[in-house]
């Protein structure tokens, strides 16, 4: 008889690997930003959403909130580090207006996270109640993380170019959602992981379809810099 718990652990490990790829996928984009010393039309929205998302999932995976969630904690802890690095680079090379906006959003996120942690620890007793509330919040922000590229998709449609839409980020978003959806469906069933990652599969599919459409049209260049084509090296 197949041990579902063992399979779930294996799927969770695969999910960790894919999630690592998801967190690492914007690295070429930020290398490009550092090289040009300009954020151009790249937006911090996905990284702000992912930062808060990772913070809540780490909190969710704590033994005093949702026991037996080590794989959730480890990968989201890694994600936190990646997002801090990305946003630091974005802050350095953004203009004055962009920096102010980024700082404002970070302060709002920090305050919101602190309030939720305090309410959870002081007002809610027992892992069942804490898992329910924090799990719902995690789902909301996981959905925001998956939906955050919508702002970039708007830019793709407006410019008729995929230059500013990181392909590998879209692909790993899709694979990440697919893997964690499978993980959630295996025993023990986790509704909170299932809901948001199921939506992530849909979001990732839409992004890949849009990318494929504009890439096939060939309208993927802005300006004369041929190296900006996102086929492989630019994300």
Protein backbone atom coordinates (compact mmCIF):
# COMPACT_ATOMS: atom_id res chain seq x y z
CA UNK A 1 0.00 0.00 0.00
CA UNK A 2 1.29 3.41 -0.95
CA UNK A 3 2.11 5.62 2.02
CA UNK A 4 0.38 8.94 1.27
CA UNK A 5 2.32 10.70 4.01
CA UNK A 6 5.63 9.70 2.39
CA UNK A 7 4.38 10.79 -1.04
CA UNK A 8 3.23 14.09 0.45
CA UNK A 9 6.69 14.65 1.92
CA UNK A 10 8.33 13.96 -1.45
CA UNK A 11 5.91 16.30 -3.23
CA UNK A 12 6.59 18.92 -0.54
CA UNK A 13 10.34 18.61 -1.13
CA UNK A 14 9.79 18.98 -4.89
CA UNK A 15 7.60 22.00 -4.07
CA UNK A 16 10.48 23.44 -2.06
CA UNK A 17 12.82 23.05 -5.02
CA UNK A 18 10.34 24.66 -7.42
CA UNK A 19 9.59 27.42 -4.92
CA UNK A 20 13.33 28.08 -4.68
CA UNK A 21 13.34 28.42 -8.45
CA UNK A 22 10.39 30.82 -8.14
CA UNK A 23 12.27 32.99 -5.66
CA UNK A 24 15.47 32.85 -7.71
CA UNK A 25 13.84 33.43 -11.11
CA UNK A 26 13.86 37.27 -10.92
CA UNK A 27 17.65 37.29 -10.37
CA UNK A 28 18.48 37.98 -14.07
CA UNK A 29 16.00 40.88 -14.01
CA UNK A 30 17.77 42.45 -11.05
CA UNK A 31 21.15 41.79 -12.64
CA UNK A 32 19.88 43.80 -15.59
CA UNK A 33 18.72 46.58 -13.26
CA UNK A 34 22.14 46.69 -11.57
CA UNK A 35 23.88 46.70 -14.95
CA UNK A 36 21.76 49.57 -16.28
CA UNK A 37 21.48 51.28 -12.87
CA UNK A 38 17.83 51.92 -13.62
CA UNK A 39 14.61 50.02 -12.80
CA UNK A 40 13.08 51.25 -16.08
CA UNK A 41 9.45 50.04 -16.19
CA UNK A 42 9.98 47.07 -13.92
CA UNK A 43 7.57 47.16 -10.98
CA UNK A 44 8.15 46.10 -7.33
CA UNK A 45 4.56 44.83 -6.93
CA UNK A 46 5.30 41.08 -7.25
CA UNK A 47 8.19 41.31 -4.78
CA UNK A 48 6.23 43.33 -2.22
CA UNK A 49 3.38 40.82 -2.43
CA UNK A 50 5.76 37.87 -2.17
CA UNK A 51 7.58 39.40 0.84
CA UNK A 52 4.39 39.65 2.88
CA UNK A 53 3.20 36.30 1.58
CA UNK A 54 6.39 34.56 2.77
CA UNK A 55 6.23 36.28 6.15
CA UNK A 56 2.69 35.02 6.78
CA UNK A 57 3.47 31.48 5.62
CA UNK A 58 6.47 31.31 7.95
CA UNK A 59 4.18 32.43 10.78
CA UNK A 60 1.53 29.91 9.68
CA UNK A 61 4.08 27.08 9.80
CA UNK A 62 5.19 27.79 13.35
CA UNK A 63 4.40 24.91 15.79
CA UNK A 64 2.18 27.19 17.89
CA UNK A 65 0.04 28.06 14.84
CA UNK A 66 0.00 25.04 12.50
CA UNK A 67 2.14 22.07 13.67
CA UNK A 68 4.01 19.72 11.32
CA UNK A 69 4.64 22.35 8.65
CA UNK A 70 8.43 22.34 8.53
CA UNK A 71 8.60 22.30 4.70
CA UNK A 72 6.33 25.36 4.57
CA UNK A 73 8.54 27.25 7.02
CA UNK A 74 11.89 26.41 5.43
CA UNK A 75 11.12 27.47 1.87
CA UNK A 76 9.26 30.62 2.86
CA UNK A 77 12.13 31.59 5.16
CA UNK A 78 14.42 31.34 2.14
CA UNK A 79 11.89 33.37 0.14
CA UNK A 80 11.97 36.15 2.72
CA UNK A 81 15.71 36.55 2.27
CA UNK A 82 15.40 36.66 -1.54
CA UNK A 83 12.65 39.28 -1.48
CA UNK A 84 14.56 41.53 0.92
CA UNK A 85 17.56 41.43 -1.44
CA UNK A 86 15.41 42.17 -4.51
CA UNK A 87 13.60 45.09 -2.87
CA UNK A 88 16.88 46.51 -1.60
CA UNK A 89 18.24 46.53 -5.16
CA UNK A 90 15.01 48.07 -6.43
CA UNK A 91 15.22 50.79 -3.78
CA UNK A 92 18.82 51.64 -4.70
CA UNK A 93 18.09 52.11 -8.41
CA UNK A 94 14.56 53.55 -8.27
CA UNK A 95 13.95 57.29 -8.60
CA UNK A 96 12.99 59.42 -5.61
CA UNK A 97 9.27 58.93 -6.14
CA UNK A 98 9.71 55.18 -6.51
CA UNK A 99 11.73 54.98 -3.28
CA UNK A 100 9.11 56.86 -1.29
CA UNK A 101 6.36 54.64 -2.63
CA UNK A 102 8.35 51.50 -1.84
CA UNK A 103 9.09 52.62 1.73
CA UNK A 104 5.45 53.50 2.31
CA UNK A 105 4.29 50.05 1.19
CA UNK A 106 6.96 48.34 3.31
CA UNK A 107 5.88 50.28 6.42
CA UNK A 108 2.24 49.38 5.81
CA UNK A 109 3.16 45.71 5.35
CA UNK A 110 5.29 45.66 8.52
CA UNK A 111 2.56 47.30 10.60
CA UNK A 112 -0.11 44.95 9.26
CA UNK A 113 2.00 41.86 9.90
CA UNK A 114 2.79 42.97 13.46
CA UNK A 115 -0.91 43.57 14.19
CA UNK A 116 -1.91 40.11 12.92
CA UNK A 117 0.83 38.42 14.95
CA UNK A 118 -0.22 40.22 18.13
CA UNK A 119 -3.92 39.43 17.64
CA UNK A 120 -3.18 35.79 16.86
CA UNK A 121 -0.94 35.24 19.87
CA UNK A 122 -2.94 37.25 22.41
CA UNK A 123 -6.57 36.75 21.37
CA UNK A 124 -6.59 33.28 19.82
CA UNK A 125 -5.87 30.16 21.86
CA UNK A 126 -5.06 26.77 20.39
CA UNK A 127 -3.62 25.78 17.02
CA UNK A 128 -7.05 25.14 15.45
CA UNK A 129 -8.22 28.73 15.80
CA UNK A 130 -4.81 30.14 14.94
CA UNK A 131 -4.53 27.93 11.86
CA UNK A 132 -7.96 29.05 10.68
CA UNK A 133 -7.32 32.79 10.92
CA UNK A 134 -3.69 32.79 9.79
CA UNK A 135 -4.48 30.24 7.07
CA UNK A 136 -7.18 32.50 5.60
CA UNK A 137 -4.80 35.48 5.67
CA UNK A 138 -2.08 33.38 4.03
CA UNK A 139 -4.51 32.40 1.29
CA UNK A 140 -5.39 36.04 0.66
CA UNK A 141 -1.76 37.08 0.28
CA UNK A 142 -0.78 33.99 -1.64
CA UNK A 143 -3.50 34.89 -4.14
CA UNK A 144 -2.15 38.45 -4.24
CA UNK A 145 1.31 37.06 -4.95
CA UNK A 146 -0.01 35.01 -7.85
CA UNK A 147 -2.15 37.92 -9.10
CA UNK A 148 0.52 40.63 -8.70
CA UNK A 149 1.93 40.05 -12.23
CA UNK A 150 -1.42 41.37 -13.52
CA UNK A 151 0.11 44.87 -13.37
CA UNK A 152 2.93 43.61 -15.57
CA UNK A 153 0.43 41.91 -17.87
CA UNK A 154 -1.25 45.29 -18.35
CA UNK A 155 2.13 46.69 -19.43
CA UNK A 156 2.58 43.79 -21.87
CA UNK A 157 -0.80 44.47 -23.46
CA UNK A 158 -0.17 48.23 -23.58
CA UNK A 159 3.32 47.97 -25.11
CA UNK A 160 2.59 44.79 -27.09
CA UNK A 161 5.92 43.50 -25.78
CA UNK A 162 6.93 40.81 -23.28
CA UNK A 163 10.14 42.66 -22.44
CA UNK A 164 8.90 43.60 -18.98
CA UNK A 165 7.17 40.29 -18.25
CA UNK A 166 9.63 37.82 -16.66
CA UNK A 167 9.00 34.49 -18.39
CA UNK A 168 10.71 32.31 -15.79
CA UNK A 169 8.77 34.02 -13.01
CA UNK A 170 5.51 33.19 -14.80
CA UNK A 171 6.57 29.60 -15.49
CA UNK A 172 7.74 28.90 -11.95
CA UNK A 173 4.59 30.54 -10.59
CA UNK A 174 2.58 27.99 -12.56
CA UNK A 175 4.74 25.00 -11.56
CA UNK A 176 4.85 26.15 -7.94
CA UNK A 177 1.06 26.39 -7.76
CA UNK A 178 0.65 22.99 -9.41
CA UNK A 179 3.04 21.24 -7.04
CA UNK A 180 1.62 22.74 -3.84
CA UNK A 181 -1.93 22.01 -5.03
CA UNK A 182 -0.94 18.35 -5.30
CA UNK A 183 0.70 18.53 -1.86
CA UNK A 184 -2.47 19.97 -0.33
CA UNK A 185 -4.67 17.24 -1.81
CA UNK A 186 -2.64 14.42 -0.24
CA UNK A 187 -3.27 13.26 3.33
CA UNK A 188 -3.41 15.21 5.60
CA UNK A 189 -5.57 17.47 3.42
CA UNK A 190 -4.74 21.18 3.76
CA UNK A 191 -7.52 23.45 2.51
CA UNK A 192 -5.50 26.64 3.07
CA UNK A 193 -2.62 25.49 0.87
CA UNK A 194 -5.07 24.17 -1.75
CA UNK A 195 -7.22 27.27 -2.32
CA UNK A 196 -4.52 29.83 -3.06
CA UNK A 197 -2.26 27.49 -5.02
CA UNK A 198 -5.18 26.26 -7.12
CA UNK A 199 -5.79 29.89 -8.07
CA UNK A 200 -2.03 30.16 -8.69
CA UNK A 201 -2.27 27.44 -11.33
CA UNK A 202 -4.99 29.42 -13.13
CA UNK A 203 -3.04 32.70 -12.83
CA UNK A 204 0.17 31.09 -14.10
CA UNK A 205 -1.68 29.56 -17.06
CA UNK A 206 -3.09 32.96 -18.06
CA UNK A 207 0.35 34.57 -17.81
CA UNK A 208 1.96 31.89 -19.99
CA UNK A 209 -0.78 32.17 -22.61
CA UNK A 210 -0.33 35.95 -22.75
CA UNK A 211 3.44 35.58 -22.97
CA UNK A 212 3.14 33.01 -25.75
CA UNK A 213 0.71 35.20 -27.70
CA UNK A 214 2.92 38.31 -27.75
CA UNK A 215 6.13 36.33 -28.19
CA UNK A 216 4.74 34.58 -31.26
CA UNK A 217 3.66 37.95 -32.67
CA UNK A 218 7.30 38.99 -32.58
CA UNK A 219 6.49 42.39 -30.99
CA UNK A 220 8.83 41.80 -28.09
CA UNK A 221 11.39 44.52 -28.54
CA UNK A 222 11.43 48.00 -27.07
CA UNK A 223 14.10 50.26 -28.42
CA UNK A 224 17.16 49.00 -30.28
CA UNK A 225 18.76 46.86 -27.57
CA UNK A 226 18.55 43.34 -29.02
CA UNK A 227 19.83 41.86 -25.76
CA UNK A 228 16.59 42.85 -24.07
CA UNK A 229 14.71 39.97 -25.71
CA UNK A 230 13.41 37.79 -22.89
CA UNK A 231 13.66 34.45 -24.69
CA UNK A 232 16.14 32.81 -22.33
CA UNK A 233 18.50 35.10 -20.48
CA UNK A 234 16.27 38.04 -19.56
CA UNK A 235 13.62 37.40 -16.92
